Amino acid sequence: MRKIASLALLATLAGCASSPYGNFAENTSTSINQALVTDTVKQLVAVYPPAHTRFKLIHETPDAYGRALVTSLRAKGYSLEEFNPQDSKQASKQVAEVQKSGSTTGLAMNYIIDITPENNLYRVTVRVGYQSLTRGYIAQSNTVYPAGAWTRKE
């Protein structure tokens, strides 16, 4: 009986887990989000040529950073397929297929924005397929400054 209760509890907790992607730097100002997006798009342009690259977002973008990122990528000439909640049942299967094949549906893309409130350090990680781009930032005077170079993990 304890095993069944434990399994039921674990299943309940797993269902409540939030997405591992998105903007975890809550209450970030619009100017900071825009500065982060501008620098992110600049790096994506350097690595993935616009008009030749198609991205497929694998999570929702309800936050200010996500909305600005979508707008900026399209303005630069990227083809971008946004996340469709209707496809969420097949999302993990599609992500694996897209990452393996690099198919015409686009490169799987997600982002993580997090912050350490004690010292105002932001970290932006953008994952495209199996690669990730990461950069740290220091927040001062309602803007951010790079705390180092972009790192690229292949």
C-alpha atoms as a PDB file:
ATOM      1  CA  MET A   1       0.000   0.000   0.000  1.00  0.00           C
ATOM      2  CA  ARG A   2       2.864   2.380   0.768  1.00  0.00           C
ATOM      3  CA  LYS A   3       4.382   1.741  -2.662  1.00  0.00           C
ATOM      4  CA  ILE A   4       1.131   2.676  -4.377  1.00  0.00           C
ATOM      5  CA  ALA A   5       0.790   5.817  -2.257  1.00  0.00           C
ATOM      6  CA  SER A   6       4.402   6.779  -3.005  1.00  0.00           C
ATOM      7  CA  LEU A   7       3.914   6.261  -6.724  1.00  0.00           C
ATOM      8  CA  ALA A   8       0.731   8.329  -6.676  1.00  0.00           C
ATOM      9  CA  LEU A   9       2.529  11.137  -4.840  1.00  0.00           C
ATOM     10  CA  LEU A  10       5.437  11.088  -7.300  1.00  0.00           C
ATOM     11  CA  ALA A  11       3.074  11.153 -10.270  1.00  0.00           C
ATOM     12  CA  THR A  12       1.243  14.131  -8.762  1.00  0.00           C
ATOM     13  CA  LEU A  13       4.475  16.016  -8.164  1.00  0.00           C
ATOM     14  CA  ALA A  14       5.737  15.278 -11.675  1.00  0.00           C
ATOM     15  CA  GLY A  15       2.520  16.700 -13.103  1.00  0.00           C
ATOM     16  CA  CYS A  16       3.023  19.925 -11.154  1.00  0.00           C
ATOM     17  CA  ALA A  17       6.571  20.479 -12.367  1.00  0.00           C
ATOM     18  CA  SER A  18       7.031  23.631 -14.371  1.00  0.00           C
ATOM     19  CA  SER A  19       8.810  23.932 -17.676  1.00  0.00           C
ATOM     20  CA  PRO A  20      12.603  23.933 -17.429  1.00  0.00           C
ATOM     21  CA  TYR A  21      12.688  26.706 -20.053  1.00  0.00           C
ATOM     22  CA  GLY A  22      11.726  30.357 -19.954  1.00  0.00           C
ATOM     23  CA  ASN A  23      12.449  33.535 -18.058  1.00  0.00           C
ATOM     24  CA  PHE A  24      13.075  32.879 -14.378  1.00  0.00           C
ATOM     25  CA  ALA A  25      14.196  36.465 -13.698  1.00  0.00           C
ATOM     26  CA  GLU A  26      10.817  37.725 -12.567  1.00  0.00           C
ATOM     27  CA  ASN A  27      10.076  41.452 -12.365  1.00  0.00           C
ATOM     28  CA  THR A  28      12.899  42.359 -14.734  1.00  0.00           C
ATOM     29  CA  SER A  29      12.499  45.798 -16.289  1.00  0.00           C
ATOM     30  CA  THR A  30      11.633  46.245 -19.935  1.00  0.00           C
ATOM     31  CA  SER A  31      14.947  47.985 -20.634  1.00  0.00           C
ATOM     32  CA  ILE A  32      16.939  45.059 -19.200  1.00  0.00           C
ATOM     33  CA  ASN A  33      14.899  42.530 -21.190  1.00  0.00           C
ATOM     34  CA  GLN A  34      15.391  44.553 -24.372  1.00  0.00           C
ATOM     35  CA  ALA A  35      19.158  44.812 -23.785  1.00  0.00           C
ATOM     36  CA  LEU A  36      19.351  41.043 -23.254  1.00  0.00           C
ATOM     37  CA  VAL A  37      17.328  40.376 -26.418  1.00  0.00           C
ATOM     38  CA  THR A  38      19.409  42.760 -28.511  1.00  0.00           C
ATOM     39  CA  ASP A  39      22.640  41.064 -27.481  1.00  0.00           C
ATOM     40  CA  THR A  40      21.151  37.578 -27.890  1.00  0.00           C
ATOM     41  CA  VAL A  41      19.930  38.282 -31.422  1.00  0.00           C
ATOM     42  CA  LYS A  42      23.284  39.831 -32.338  1.00  0.00           C
ATOM     43  CA  GLN A  43      25.006  36.576 -31.330  1.00  0.00           C
ATOM     44  CA  LEU A  44      22.438  34.390 -33.097  1.00  0.00           C
ATOM     45  CA  VAL A  45      23.005  36.389 -36.303  1.00  0.00           C
ATOM     46  CA  ALA A  46      26.747  35.734 -35.988  1.00  0.00           C
ATOM     47  CA  VAL A  47      26.256  31.967 -35.587  1.00  0.00           C
ATOM     48  CA  TYR A  48      23.083  31.199 -37.576  1.00  0.00           C
ATOM     49  CA  PRO A  49      22.613  33.203 -40.802  1.00  0.00           C
ATOM     50  CA  PRO A  50      19.205  34.887 -41.154  1.00  0.00           C
ATOM     51  CA  ALA A  51      17.065  33.924 -44.151  1.00  0.00           C
ATOM     52  CA  HIS A  52      18.818  30.529 -44.161  1.00  0.00           C
ATOM     53  CA  THR A  53      17.852  29.416 -40.663  1.00  0.00           C
ATOM     54  CA  ARG A  54      14.500  28.287 -39.376  1.00  0.00           C
ATOM     55  CA  PHE A  55      13.822  28.036 -35.636  1.00  0.00           C
ATOM     56  CA  LYS A  56      11.060  26.152 -33.853  1.00  0.00           C
ATOM     57  CA  LEU A  57      10.336  27.289 -30.294  1.00  0.00           C
ATOM     58  CA  ILE A  58       9.625  24.341 -28.036  1.00  0.00           C
ATOM     59  CA  HIS A  59       8.032  26.314 -25.196  1.00  0.00           C
ATOM     60  CA  GLU A  60       5.689  29.242 -24.724  1.00  0.00           C
ATOM     61  CA  THR A  61       7.058  32.791 -24.699  1.00  0.00           C
ATOM     62  CA  PRO A  62       4.624  34.693 -22.455  1.00  0.00           C
ATOM     63  CA  ASP A  63       7.298  36.875 -20.823  1.00  0.00           C
ATOM     64  CA  ALA A  64       8.724  40.215 -22.031  1.00  0.00           C
ATOM     65  CA  TYR A  65      12.024  38.636 -23.081  1.00  0.00           C
ATOM     66  CA  GLY A  66      10.278  35.931 -25.125  1.00  0.00           C
ATOM     67  CA  ARG A  67       7.946  38.345 -26.908  1.00  0.00           C
ATOM     68  CA  ALA A  68      10.819  40.699 -27.730  1.00  0.00           C
ATOM     69  CA  LEU A  69      12.978  37.777 -28.900  1.00  0.00           C
ATOM     70  CA  VAL A  70      10.288  36.534 -31.297  1.00  0.00           C
ATOM     71  CA  THR A  71       9.773  40.034 -32.703  1.00  0.00           C
ATOM     72  CA  SER A  72      13.506  40.697 -33.087  1.00  0.00           C
ATOM     73  CA  LEU A  73      14.249  37.359 -34.750  1.00  0.00           C
ATOM     74  CA  ARG A  74      11.514  37.910 -37.308  1.00  0.00           C
ATOM     75  CA  ALA A  75      12.727  41.471 -37.930  1.00  0.00           C
ATOM     76  CA  LYS A  76      16.205  40.088 -38.684  1.00  0.00           C
ATOM     77  CA  GLY A  77      14.798  37.682 -41.285  1.00  0.00           C
ATOM     78  CA  TYR A  78      14.523  34.395 -39.408  1.00  0.00           C
ATOM     79  CA  SER A  79      11.708  31.966 -40.037  1.00  0.00           C
ATOM     80  CA  LEU A  80      10.248  31.157 -36.644  1.00  0.00           C
ATOM     81  CA  GLU A  81       7.601  28.631 -35.706  1.00  0.00           C
ATOM     82  CA  GLU A  82       6.156  29.450 -32.300  1.00  0.00           C
ATOM     83  CA  PHE A  83       5.127  26.883 -29.717  1.00  0.00           C
ATOM     84  CA  ASN A  84       1.662  25.437 -30.227  1.00  0.00           C
ATOM     85  CA  PRO A  85       0.061  24.044 -27.044  1.00  0.00           C
ATOM     86  CA  GLN A  86      -2.059  21.737 -29.221  1.00  0.00           C
ATOM     87  CA  ASP A  87       1.138  19.927 -30.170  1.00  0.00           C
ATOM     88  CA  SER A  88       2.355  19.570 -26.574  1.00  0.00           C
ATOM     89  CA  LYS A  89       1.535  15.848 -26.474  1.00  0.00           C
ATOM     90  CA  GLN A  90       3.894  15.228 -29.367  1.00  0.00           C
ATOM     91  CA  ALA A  91       6.401  17.933 -28.408  1.00  0.00           C
ATOM     92  CA  SER A  92       9.063  15.699 -26.879  1.00  0.00           C
ATOM     93  CA  LYS A  93       8.939  13.330 -29.855  1.00  0.00           C
ATOM     94  CA  GLN A  94       9.140  16.245 -32.303  1.00  0.00           C
ATOM     95  CA  VAL A  95      12.011  17.886 -30.422  1.00  0.00           C
ATOM     96  CA  ALA A  96      14.037  14.677 -30.617  1.00  0.00           C
ATOM     97  CA  GLU A  97      13.326  14.352 -34.339  1.00  0.00           C
ATOM     98  CA  VAL A  98      14.160  18.002 -35.049  1.00  0.00           C
ATOM     99  CA  GLN A  99      17.374  17.871 -33.041  1.00  0.00           C
ATOM    100  CA  LYS A 100      18.553  14.680 -34.736  1.00  0.00           C
ATOM    101  CA  SER A 101      17.688  15.511 -38.306  1.00  0.00           C
ATOM    102  CA  GLY A 102      17.724  19.298 -38.444  1.00  0.00           C
ATOM    103  CA  SER A 103      14.616  18.823 -40.567  1.00  0.00           C
ATOM    104  CA  THR A 104      12.840  21.493 -42.526  1.00  0.00           C
ATOM    105  CA  THR A 105      10.484  22.120 -39.620  1.00  0.00           C
ATOM    106  CA  GLY A 106      13.308  24.085 -38.020  1.00  0.00           C
ATOM    107  CA  LEU A 107      15.980  23.824 -35.394  1.00  0.00           C
ATOM    108  CA  ALA A 108      14.536  23.279 -31.922  1.00  0.00           C
ATOM    109  CA  MET A 109      15.048  26.453 -29.883  1.00  0.00           C
ATOM    110  CA  ASN A 110      14.518  27.383 -26.250  1.00  0.00           C
ATOM    111  CA  TYR A 111      15.902  29.854 -23.760  1.00  0.00           C
ATOM    112  CA  ILE A 112      16.587  30.171 -20.069  1.00  0.00           C
ATOM    113  CA  ILE A 113      17.013  33.513 -18.306  1.00  0.00           C
ATOM    114  CA  ASP A 114      17.952  33.401 -14.653  1.00  0.00           C
ATOM    115  CA  ILE A 115      19.291  35.788 -12.036  1.00  0.00           C
ATOM    116  CA  THR A 116      21.107  35.735  -8.719  1.00  0.00           C
ATOM    117  CA  PRO A 117      19.335  38.530  -6.803  1.00  0.00           C
ATOM    118  CA  GLU A 118      22.130  38.922  -4.239  1.00  0.00           C
ATOM    119  CA  ASN A 119      24.577  40.361  -6.773  1.00  0.00           C
ATOM    120  CA  ASN A 120      22.386  41.224  -9.809  1.00  0.00           C
ATOM    121  CA  LEU A 121      23.966  38.694 -12.156  1.00  0.00           C
ATOM    122  CA  TYR A 122      21.880  37.551 -15.108  1.00  0.00           C
ATOM    123  CA  ARG A 123      22.575  34.519 -17.278  1.00  0.00           C
ATOM    124  CA  VAL A 124      21.106  34.009 -20.747  1.00  0.00           C
ATOM    125  CA  THR A 125      21.229  30.552 -22.300  1.00  0.00           C
ATOM    126  CA  VAL A 126      19.777  29.937 -25.759  1.00  0.00           C
ATOM    127  CA  ARG A 127      19.678  26.358 -26.965  1.00  0.00           C
ATOM    128  CA  VAL A 128      19.454  25.663 -30.686  1.00  0.00           C
ATOM    129  CA  GLY A 129      19.345  21.976 -31.528  1.00  0.00           C
ATOM    130  CA  TYR A 130      22.113  20.343 -29.478  1.00  0.00           C
ATOM    131  CA  GLN A 131      24.147  23.542 -29.179  1.00  0.00           C
ATOM    132  CA  SER A 132      23.840  26.230 -26.543  1.00  0.00           C
ATOM    133  CA  LEU A 133      24.976  29.824 -26.329  1.00  0.00           C
ATOM    134  CA  THR A 134      25.465  31.296 -22.843  1.00  0.00           C
ATOM    135  CA  ARG A 135      26.509  34.680 -21.519  1.00  0.00           C
ATOM    136  CA  GLY A 136      26.523  36.357 -18.118  1.00  0.00           C
ATOM    137  CA  TYR A 137      25.534  39.967 -17.441  1.00  0.00           C
ATOM    138  CA  ILE A 138      25.860  42.427 -14.567  1.00  0.00           C
ATOM    139  CA  ALA A 139      22.874  44.692 -13.900  1.00  0.00           C
ATOM    140  CA  GLN A 140      23.585  48.316 -12.991  1.00  0.00           C
ATOM    141  CA  SER A 141      21.521  51.484 -13.376  1.00  0.00           C
ATOM    142  CA  ASN A 142      18.544  49.714 -14.989  1.00  0.00           C
ATOM    143  CA  THR A 143      20.626  48.148 -17.772  1.00  0.00           C
ATOM    144  CA  VAL A 144      22.960  45.183 -18.165  1.00  0.00           C
ATOM    145  CA  TYR A 145      26.599  44.901 -19.132  1.00  0.00           C
ATOM    146  CA  PRO A 146      28.276  41.716 -20.396  1.00  0.00           C
ATOM    147  CA  ALA A 147      30.223  39.941 -17.668  1.00  0.00           C
ATOM    148  CA  GLY A 148      32.178  37.892 -20.188  1.00  0.00           C
ATOM    149  CA  ALA A 149      32.155  36.513 -23.697  1.00  0.00           C
ATOM    150  CA  TRP A 150      29.525  34.264 -25.227  1.00  0.00           C
ATOM    151  CA  THR A 151      30.276  30.591 -24.734  1.00  0.00           C
ATOM    152  CA  ARG A 152      29.160  28.021 -27.263  1.00  0.00           C
ATOM    153  CA  LYS A 153      28.663  24.406 -26.337  1.00  0.00           C
ATOM    154  CA  GLU A 154      28.428  21.984 -29.232  1.00  0.00           C
END
